[in-house]
Amino acid sequence: MLKRIVLGYGGVFLGVLITACGVSFFLIPAKIAAGGVSGFATVVFYLFDMPVGITMLILNIPLFLLSWRMIGPLFGKKTLFGTITISLLIDLFNRFAMPVTSDLLLCAIYGGVISGIGLGIAFRSGGSTGGTDMAAQLVAKFFSISVGQALLLVDGIVIILAGIAFGLELAMYALIAVFITTKTIDLVQEGQSYVKAILIISEQAEAIGNTIMERLERGVTSLDGKGMYTKKDKEILLVIVSRVEISHVKSIVNEHDKEAFVVIADVHEVLGEGFTGL
């Protein structure tokens, strides 16, 4: 129990530390307000010379309390820990942070990647840095929209403010940073896709399934389906393979049924025999 708690808070702290590095050494010096509370705090910093971390804390604590009251305990102790810690670390780093590069594109890319890695680690550890997540939940509740739409709205408002304060060009760089951060978070949380799920709909499903099991030594699952137009029962095969085996499966399907319908999709994690280490 104690070990799990230590690892959980340790993961949140590591994620917050990395995120603070991305924000302090790349985004803030370049005036790239990449959405969320940190982006808004960056605008406030350059307009009113108010420390970024203090501004984040001033905004986040009321958001945390309001979210707890209006939505319930959706954001727990780890989020509060992450919220306070990132504010302190950003102001600590900003005391001696020097721009790593003067290239705005590099700042947007590396700031986005580093921040995304940190946030992804914090999320995987069961925490977050609050801010945008809490604001989006509140906006979604009050305006009856989805959380995803609320996130876009909150980040959009911050980027518009950045455009007004810093100019259109820096707002465009902020959009790049937001996009990269989001994709990096997904990559850290879900992992890189090393395997593929293949769905095969064919009149020769049994022959295809047997050949796959025989040649590739992969398990094949048969699912019952029904064509909505024809109202005919269909047998659907599901098989999980590594990247290098995709061409073999396609060859086997083509060998038995050139008219087969095949869907290939990314799979981010597979647990079970035959997939250890993929």
Protein backbone atom coordinates (compact mmCIF):
# COMPACT_ATOMS: atom_id res chain seq x y z
CA MET A 1 0.00 0.00 0.00
CA LEU A 2 2.75 2.44 0.99
CA LYS A 3 4.81 1.46 -2.04
CA ARG A 4 1.88 2.16 -4.36
CA ILE A 5 1.32 5.57 -2.78
CA VAL A 6 5.01 6.49 -3.05
CA LEU A 7 5.19 5.33 -6.68
CA GLY A 8 1.98 7.19 -7.50
CA TYR A 9 3.05 10.52 -6.06
CA GLY A 10 6.60 9.97 -7.32
CA GLY A 11 5.23 9.50 -10.85
CA VAL A 12 3.14 12.66 -10.58
CA PHE A 13 6.17 14.62 -9.31
CA LEU A 14 8.38 13.32 -12.14
CA GLY A 15 5.73 14.22 -14.70
CA VAL A 16 5.26 17.68 -13.22
CA LEU A 17 9.03 18.24 -13.10
CA ILE A 18 9.39 17.39 -16.80
CA THR A 19 6.39 19.53 -17.72
CA ALA A 20 7.81 22.49 -15.79
CA CYS A 21 11.07 22.14 -17.74
CA GLY A 22 9.23 22.23 -21.06
CA VAL A 23 7.21 25.29 -20.05
CA SER A 24 10.04 27.22 -18.36
CA PHE A 25 12.89 26.57 -20.78
CA PHE A 26 11.04 26.60 -24.11
CA LEU A 27 7.49 28.00 -24.06
CA ILE A 28 7.64 30.95 -21.65
CA PRO A 29 10.91 32.48 -22.99
CA ALA A 30 9.49 32.30 -26.53
CA LYS A 31 6.12 33.86 -25.51
CA ILE A 32 4.33 30.73 -26.69
CA ALA A 33 1.09 30.53 -24.70
CA ALA A 34 0.16 26.94 -25.53
CA GLY A 35 -3.36 26.92 -24.13
CA GLY A 36 -4.58 26.14 -20.64
CA VAL A 37 -3.77 27.83 -17.37
CA SER A 38 -0.02 27.93 -18.06
CA GLY A 39 -0.66 29.65 -21.39
CA PHE A 40 -2.92 32.24 -19.77
CA ALA A 41 -0.34 32.75 -17.01
CA THR A 42 2.32 33.32 -19.69
CA VAL A 43 0.21 36.13 -21.20
CA VAL A 44 -0.29 37.67 -17.74
CA PHE A 45 3.46 37.42 -17.05
CA TYR A 46 4.42 39.46 -20.11
CA LEU A 47 1.61 41.98 -19.71
CA PHE A 48 1.77 42.58 -15.95
CA ASP A 49 5.11 41.01 -14.88
CA MET A 50 3.33 38.61 -12.53
CA PRO A 51 5.14 35.27 -11.92
CA VAL A 52 3.72 32.43 -14.03
CA GLY A 53 3.61 29.92 -11.18
CA ILE A 54 1.82 32.30 -8.81
CA THR A 55 -0.77 33.12 -11.47
CA MET A 56 -1.31 29.40 -12.13
CA LEU A 57 -1.80 28.77 -8.43
CA ILE A 58 -4.21 31.69 -8.07
CA LEU A 59 -6.29 30.30 -10.94
CA ASN A 60 -5.98 26.59 -10.13
CA ILE A 61 -6.91 26.53 -6.45
CA PRO A 62 -10.33 28.18 -6.96
CA LEU A 63 -10.88 25.95 -10.00
CA PHE A 64 -10.08 22.90 -7.88
CA LEU A 65 -12.46 23.94 -5.09
CA LEU A 66 -15.23 24.90 -7.52
CA SER A 67 -14.83 21.64 -9.45
CA TRP A 68 -14.99 19.66 -6.21
CA ARG A 69 -18.18 21.49 -5.21
CA MET A 70 -19.96 21.48 -8.57
CA ILE A 71 -18.83 18.17 -10.09
CA GLY A 72 -17.73 16.10 -7.13
CA PRO A 73 -14.38 14.48 -6.21
CA LEU A 74 -13.35 13.95 -9.84
CA PHE A 75 -9.96 15.53 -9.19
CA GLY A 76 -8.24 13.95 -6.20
CA LYS A 77 -5.28 14.57 -3.95
CA LYS A 78 -2.75 13.77 -6.66
CA THR A 79 -4.19 16.50 -8.86
CA LEU A 80 -3.98 18.99 -5.99
CA PHE A 81 -0.39 17.85 -5.39
CA GLY A 82 0.45 18.24 -9.07
CA THR A 83 -1.25 21.64 -9.27
CA ILE A 84 0.73 23.09 -6.38
CA THR A 85 4.02 21.43 -7.32
CA ILE A 86 4.06 22.61 -10.96
CA SER A 87 3.39 26.19 -9.87
CA LEU A 88 6.33 26.12 -7.46
CA LEU A 89 8.67 24.42 -9.95
CA ILE A 90 7.87 26.80 -12.80
CA ASP A 91 8.63 29.86 -10.68
CA LEU A 92 11.78 28.17 -9.36
CA PHE A 93 13.03 27.38 -12.87
CA ASN A 94 12.08 30.83 -14.19
CA ARG A 95 14.59 32.40 -11.81
CA PHE A 96 17.49 31.02 -13.84
CA ALA A 97 15.87 29.75 -17.04
CA MET A 98 17.61 30.93 -20.19
CA PRO A 99 16.17 30.40 -23.68
CA VAL A 100 17.64 27.18 -25.08
CA THR A 101 17.11 28.40 -28.64
CA SER A 102 15.86 31.54 -30.35
CA ASP A 103 14.12 29.50 -33.05
CA LEU A 104 10.39 29.76 -32.33
CA LEU A 105 9.56 26.58 -34.20
CA LEU A 106 12.06 24.58 -32.17
CA CYS A 107 10.65 26.12 -28.98
CA ALA A 108 7.12 25.09 -29.99
CA ILE A 109 8.19 21.56 -30.93
CA TYR A 110 10.46 20.81 -27.98
CA GLY A 111 8.25 22.65 -25.50
CA GLY A 112 5.27 20.66 -26.74
CA VAL A 113 7.08 17.32 -26.68
CA ILE A 114 8.66 17.79 -23.23
CA SER A 115 5.43 19.12 -21.71
CA GLY A 116 3.48 16.26 -23.31
CA ILE A 117 5.86 13.64 -21.91
CA GLY A 118 5.56 15.14 -18.44
CA LEU A 119 1.77 15.42 -18.54
CA GLY A 120 1.50 11.88 -19.92
CA ILE A 121 3.56 10.52 -17.02
CA ALA A 122 1.46 12.50 -14.52
CA PHE A 123 -1.77 11.18 -16.06
CA ARG A 124 -0.50 7.59 -16.05
CA SER A 125 0.32 8.01 -12.36
CA GLY A 126 -3.26 9.00 -11.59
CA GLY A 127 -2.75 12.74 -11.27
CA SER A 128 -2.67 15.87 -13.41
CA THR A 129 -1.71 19.51 -13.24
CA GLY A 130 -5.35 20.59 -12.98
CA GLY A 131 -5.96 23.78 -14.89
CA THR A 132 -7.43 23.01 -18.29
CA ASP A 133 -8.99 19.71 -17.22
CA MET A 134 -10.90 21.34 -14.37
CA ALA A 135 -11.91 24.36 -16.42
CA ALA A 136 -13.16 22.11 -19.23
CA GLN A 137 -15.26 20.04 -16.84
CA LEU A 138 -16.90 23.20 -15.47
CA VAL A 139 -17.49 24.69 -18.93
CA ALA A 140 -18.97 21.40 -20.14
CA LYS A 141 -21.35 21.33 -17.17
CA PHE A 142 -22.54 24.93 -17.49
CA PHE A 143 -22.91 25.00 -21.30
CA SER A 144 -24.06 21.38 -21.83
CA ILE A 145 -21.28 20.49 -24.25
CA SER A 146 -18.83 17.61 -24.30
CA VAL A 147 -15.58 17.79 -22.34
CA GLY A 148 -13.63 17.52 -25.60
CA GLN A 149 -15.45 20.55 -27.02
CA ALA A 150 -14.90 22.40 -23.75
CA LEU A 151 -11.15 21.68 -23.90
CA LEU A 152 -10.98 23.09 -27.41
CA LEU A 153 -12.94 26.14 -26.28
CA VAL A 154 -10.71 26.82 -23.25
CA ASP A 155 -7.47 26.38 -25.21
CA GLY A 156 -8.90 28.40 -28.09
CA ILE A 157 -9.71 31.36 -25.85
CA VAL A 158 -6.19 31.33 -24.39
CA ILE A 159 -4.60 31.20 -27.85
CA ILE A 160 -6.80 34.06 -29.05
CA LEU A 161 -5.66 36.10 -26.04
CA ALA A 162 -2.07 35.21 -26.91
CA GLY A 163 -2.68 36.38 -30.46
CA ILE A 164 -4.01 39.71 -29.20
CA ALA A 165 -1.13 40.14 -26.73
CA PHE A 166 1.80 38.77 -28.75
CA GLY A 167 0.66 38.83 -32.37
CA LEU A 168 -0.78 36.29 -34.82
CA GLU A 169 2.53 34.58 -35.54
CA LEU A 170 3.15 33.58 -31.92
CA ALA A 171 -0.45 32.39 -31.64
CA MET A 172 0.20 30.11 -34.63
CA TYR A 173 3.27 28.69 -32.89
CA ALA A 174 1.10 28.16 -29.79
CA LEU A 175 -1.30 26.07 -31.88
CA ILE A 176 1.62 23.91 -33.02
CA ALA A 177 2.73 23.43 -29.40
CA VAL A 178 -0.81 22.48 -28.28
CA PHE A 179 -1.11 19.90 -31.09
CA ILE A 180 2.29 18.36 -30.32
CA THR A 181 1.59 18.29 -26.57
CA THR A 182 -1.73 16.50 -27.12
CA LYS A 183 -0.23 13.89 -29.44
CA THR A 184 2.71 13.30 -27.08
CA ILE A 185 0.37 12.80 -24.11
CA ASP A 186 -1.53 10.16 -26.12
CA LEU A 187 1.73 8.44 -27.07
CA VAL A 188 2.98 8.32 -23.47
CA GLN A 189 -0.36 7.11 -22.10
CA GLU A 190 -1.22 4.59 -24.81
CA GLY A 191 2.21 3.68 -26.08
CA GLN A 192 3.42 3.27 -29.63
CA SER A 193 1.42 0.81 -31.68
CA TYR A 194 3.54 -2.28 -32.31
CA VAL A 195 0.70 -4.64 -33.09
CA LYS A 196 -2.33 -4.62 -35.34
CA ALA A 197 -5.85 -5.94 -35.00
CA ILE A 198 -7.22 -7.40 -38.22
CA LEU A 199 -10.91 -8.04 -38.87
CA ILE A 200 -11.71 -10.29 -41.82
CA ILE A 201 -15.19 -10.80 -43.28
CA SER A 202 -15.23 -13.57 -45.84
CA GLU A 203 -17.24 -16.49 -47.15
CA GLN A 204 -14.04 -18.51 -46.71
CA ALA A 205 -13.54 -17.53 -43.08
CA GLU A 206 -12.85 -21.03 -41.82
CA ALA A 207 -10.16 -21.73 -44.42
CA ILE A 208 -8.53 -18.34 -43.83
CA GLY A 209 -8.57 -18.81 -40.05
CA ASN A 210 -7.07 -22.28 -40.23
CA THR A 211 -4.28 -21.10 -42.55
CA ILE A 212 -3.41 -18.17 -40.28
CA MET A 213 -3.21 -20.47 -37.24
CA GLU A 214 -1.15 -22.99 -39.16
CA ARG A 215 1.37 -20.68 -40.84
CA LEU A 216 1.66 -17.82 -38.36
CA GLU A 217 0.81 -19.70 -35.17
CA ARG A 218 -1.50 -16.88 -34.12
CA GLY A 219 -4.81 -17.40 -32.40
CA VAL A 220 -7.90 -16.48 -34.41
CA THR A 221 -11.27 -15.61 -32.90
CA SER A 222 -14.50 -16.19 -34.84
CA LEU A 223 -17.25 -13.63 -34.23
CA ASP A 224 -20.89 -13.82 -35.32
CA GLY A 225 -22.08 -10.94 -37.47
CA LYS A 226 -24.96 -10.04 -39.76
CA GLY A 227 -25.05 -7.89 -42.86
CA MET A 228 -27.57 -5.10 -42.31
CA TYR A 229 -28.35 -4.80 -46.03
CA THR A 230 -28.39 -8.46 -47.03
CA LYS A 231 -29.63 -9.73 -43.63
CA LYS A 232 -27.25 -12.65 -44.09
CA ASP A 233 -25.25 -14.11 -41.22
CA LYS A 234 -21.53 -13.37 -41.50
CA GLU A 235 -18.51 -14.96 -39.85
CA ILE A 236 -15.95 -12.36 -38.78
CA LEU A 237 -12.38 -13.29 -37.92
CA LEU A 238 -10.32 -11.32 -35.41
CA VAL A 239 -6.58 -11.79 -35.28
CA ILE A 240 -3.84 -9.79 -33.52
CA VAL A 241 -0.47 -9.77 -35.26
CA SER A 242 2.82 -7.89 -35.21
CA ARG A 243 3.60 -5.34 -37.90
CA VAL A 244 5.80 -7.70 -39.85
CA GLU A 245 3.00 -10.27 -40.05
CA ILE A 246 0.45 -7.96 -41.68
CA SER A 247 1.60 -8.74 -45.22
CA HIS A 248 1.44 -12.47 -44.48
CA VAL A 249 -2.18 -12.20 -43.31
CA LYS A 250 -3.13 -10.15 -46.36
CA SER A 251 -1.48 -12.74 -48.59
CA ILE A 252 -3.38 -15.57 -46.88
CA VAL A 253 -6.70 -13.74 -47.23
CA ASN A 254 -6.02 -12.99 -50.90
CA GLU A 255 -5.09 -16.63 -51.46
CA HIS A 256 -8.52 -17.85 -50.27
CA ASP A 257 -10.85 -14.97 -51.09
CA LYS A 258 -9.96 -11.97 -53.24
CA GLU A 259 -13.33 -10.38 -52.40
CA ALA A 260 -12.84 -10.53 -48.62
CA PHE A 261 -13.40 -7.38 -46.56
CA VAL A 262 -10.38 -6.63 -44.34
CA VAL A 263 -9.97 -3.95 -41.66
CA ILE A 264 -6.55 -3.28 -40.09
CA ALA A 265 -6.39 -1.14 -36.94
CA ASP A 266 -3.71 0.00 -34.47
CA VAL A 267 -3.55 -1.75 -31.10
CA HIS A 268 -1.64 0.02 -28.34
CA GLU A 269 -1.43 -2.79 -25.81
CA VAL A 270 -1.94 -6.53 -25.87
CA LEU A 271 -1.75 -8.76 -22.82
CA GLY A 272 -1.59 -12.48 -23.26
CA GLU A 273 0.38 -15.40 -24.60
CA GLY A 274 2.42 -14.72 -27.69
CA PHE A 275 2.66 -10.96 -27.31
CA THR A 276 5.16 -10.46 -24.48
CA GLY A 277 7.70 -7.85 -25.51
CA LEU A 278 5.82 -6.59 -28.57
